[in-house]
Amino acid sequence: MTEGYCVKCKAKKEMSSAKQVTMKNGRKAMKGKCPSCGTGMYRILGK
């Protein structure tokens, strides 16, 4: 699982249903949901 920052909870948490996506500029990122509040979470990955 990938850890990300939830802006609604203001804490780092493990993303649920995380999947890897490619942004418009070609960089990779992980997109998922916060397990406690359900808000969308996003984490930009390295090259």
N, C-alpha and C. Protein backbone atom coordinates (compact mmCIF):
# COMPACT_ATOMS: atom_id res chain seq x y z
N MET A 1 0.84 -1.19 0.00
CA MET A 1 0.00 0.00 0.00
C MET A 1 0.88 1.25 0.00
N THR A 2 0.33 2.32 -0.50
CA THR A 2 1.05 3.58 -0.60
C THR A 2 0.53 4.55 0.44
N GLU A 3 1.45 5.30 1.04
CA GLU A 3 1.07 6.29 2.02
C GLU A 3 0.92 7.63 1.33
N GLY A 4 -0.12 8.37 1.69
CA GLY A 4 -0.35 9.69 1.13
C GLY A 4 -0.87 10.63 2.20
N TYR A 5 -1.04 11.90 1.84
CA TYR A 5 -1.51 12.90 2.80
C TYR A 5 -2.97 13.23 2.50
N CYS A 6 -3.81 13.13 3.51
CA CYS A 6 -5.22 13.50 3.38
C CYS A 6 -5.38 14.94 3.86
N VAL A 7 -5.84 15.82 2.97
CA VAL A 7 -5.98 17.23 3.34
C VAL A 7 -7.19 17.46 4.25
N LYS A 8 -8.17 16.58 4.21
CA LYS A 8 -9.33 16.74 5.06
C LYS A 8 -9.03 16.31 6.50
N CYS A 9 -8.33 15.17 6.66
CA CYS A 9 -7.96 14.68 7.99
C CYS A 9 -6.68 15.34 8.52
N LYS A 10 -5.90 15.96 7.62
CA LYS A 10 -4.61 16.59 7.95
C LYS A 10 -3.65 15.58 8.58
N ALA A 11 -3.53 14.40 7.96
CA ALA A 11 -2.64 13.36 8.45
C ALA A 11 -2.20 12.46 7.30
N LYS A 12 -1.04 11.81 7.48
CA LYS A 12 -0.56 10.82 6.52
C LYS A 12 -1.23 9.50 6.81
N LYS A 13 -1.77 8.87 5.77
CA LYS A 13 -2.47 7.60 5.93
C LYS A 13 -2.20 6.71 4.73
N GLU A 14 -2.47 5.41 4.89
CA GLU A 14 -2.37 4.47 3.78
C GLU A 14 -3.58 4.67 2.86
N MET A 15 -3.34 4.72 1.56
CA MET A 15 -4.43 4.89 0.60
C MET A 15 -5.16 3.56 0.42
N SER A 16 -6.48 3.63 0.32
CA SER A 16 -7.23 2.43 -0.03
C SER A 16 -7.57 2.52 -1.52
N SER A 17 -7.66 1.38 -2.16
CA SER A 17 -7.91 1.25 -3.61
C SER A 17 -6.99 2.15 -4.42
N ALA A 18 -5.68 2.09 -4.11
CA ALA A 18 -4.70 2.92 -4.81
C ALA A 18 -4.34 2.30 -6.15
N LYS A 19 -4.19 3.15 -7.16
CA LYS A 19 -3.74 2.69 -8.47
C LYS A 19 -2.79 3.72 -9.07
N GLN A 20 -1.90 3.25 -9.92
CA GLN A 20 -0.91 4.13 -10.53
C GLN A 20 -1.50 4.77 -11.77
N VAL A 21 -1.31 6.08 -11.90
CA VAL A 21 -1.78 6.84 -13.06
C VAL A 21 -0.62 7.66 -13.62
N THR A 22 -0.76 8.10 -14.87
CA THR A 22 0.23 8.96 -15.49
C THR A 22 -0.41 10.33 -15.70
N MET A 23 0.28 11.37 -15.22
CA MET A 23 -0.23 12.73 -15.35
C MET A 23 0.01 13.25 -16.77
N LYS A 24 -0.55 14.40 -17.10
CA LYS A 24 -0.41 14.98 -18.43
C LYS A 24 1.04 15.25 -18.82
N ASN A 25 1.87 15.60 -17.83
CA ASN A 25 3.26 15.91 -18.13
C ASN A 25 4.14 14.66 -18.21
N GLY A 26 3.56 13.46 -18.06
CA GLY A 26 4.30 12.22 -18.21
C GLY A 26 4.80 11.61 -16.92
N ARG A 27 4.68 12.30 -15.81
CA ARG A 27 5.14 11.76 -14.52
C ARG A 27 4.10 10.80 -13.96
N LYS A 28 4.56 9.87 -13.13
CA LYS A 28 3.68 8.89 -12.54
C LYS A 28 3.21 9.33 -11.16
N ALA A 29 2.02 8.90 -10.79
CA ALA A 29 1.45 9.25 -9.49
C ALA A 29 0.56 8.11 -9.02
N MET A 30 0.30 8.07 -7.72
CA MET A 30 -0.63 7.11 -7.15
C MET A 30 -1.89 7.85 -6.75
N LYS A 31 -3.04 7.29 -7.09
CA LYS A 31 -4.32 7.91 -6.80
C LYS A 31 -5.16 6.91 -6.01
N GLY A 32 -5.75 7.37 -4.91
CA GLY A 32 -6.56 6.49 -4.08
C GLY A 32 -7.52 7.27 -3.22
N LYS A 33 -8.06 6.61 -2.21
CA LYS A 33 -9.01 7.24 -1.30
C LYS A 33 -8.54 7.09 0.13
N CYS A 34 -8.94 8.05 0.96
CA CYS A 34 -8.64 8.00 2.39
C CYS A 34 -9.52 6.93 3.03
N PRO A 35 -8.94 6.03 3.83
CA PRO A 35 -9.76 4.97 4.43
C PRO A 35 -10.77 5.45 5.47
N SER A 36 -10.52 6.59 6.10
CA SER A 36 -11.46 7.04 7.15
C SER A 36 -12.54 7.98 6.65
N CYS A 37 -12.19 8.95 5.77
CA CYS A 37 -13.20 9.92 5.34
C CYS A 37 -13.63 9.77 3.88
N GLY A 38 -12.86 9.01 3.07
CA GLY A 38 -13.25 8.78 1.68
C GLY A 38 -12.82 9.85 0.70
N THR A 39 -12.07 10.85 1.15
CA THR A 39 -11.59 11.91 0.28
C THR A 39 -10.53 11.37 -0.67
N GLY A 40 -10.48 11.89 -1.89
CA GLY A 40 -9.48 11.48 -2.85
C GLY A 40 -8.09 11.90 -2.41
N MET A 41 -7.11 10.98 -2.53
CA MET A 41 -5.72 11.26 -2.16
C MET A 41 -4.85 11.08 -3.39
N TYR A 42 -3.76 11.78 -3.44
CA TYR A 42 -2.87 11.78 -4.59
C TYR A 42 -1.44 11.87 -4.10
N ARG A 43 -0.55 11.07 -4.69
CA ARG A 43 0.87 11.14 -4.33
C ARG A 43 1.70 11.07 -5.61
N ILE A 44 2.54 12.08 -5.82
CA ILE A 44 3.41 12.11 -7.00
C ILE A 44 4.63 11.24 -6.71
N LEU A 45 4.96 10.36 -7.64
CA LEU A 45 6.07 9.43 -7.48
C LEU A 45 7.32 9.98 -8.15
N GLY A 46 8.46 9.40 -7.83
CA GLY A 46 9.72 9.80 -8.43
C GLY A 46 9.81 9.35 -9.88
N LYS A 47 10.85 9.77 -10.56
CA LYS A 47 10.98 9.43 -11.98
C LYS A 47 11.28 8.00 -12.23
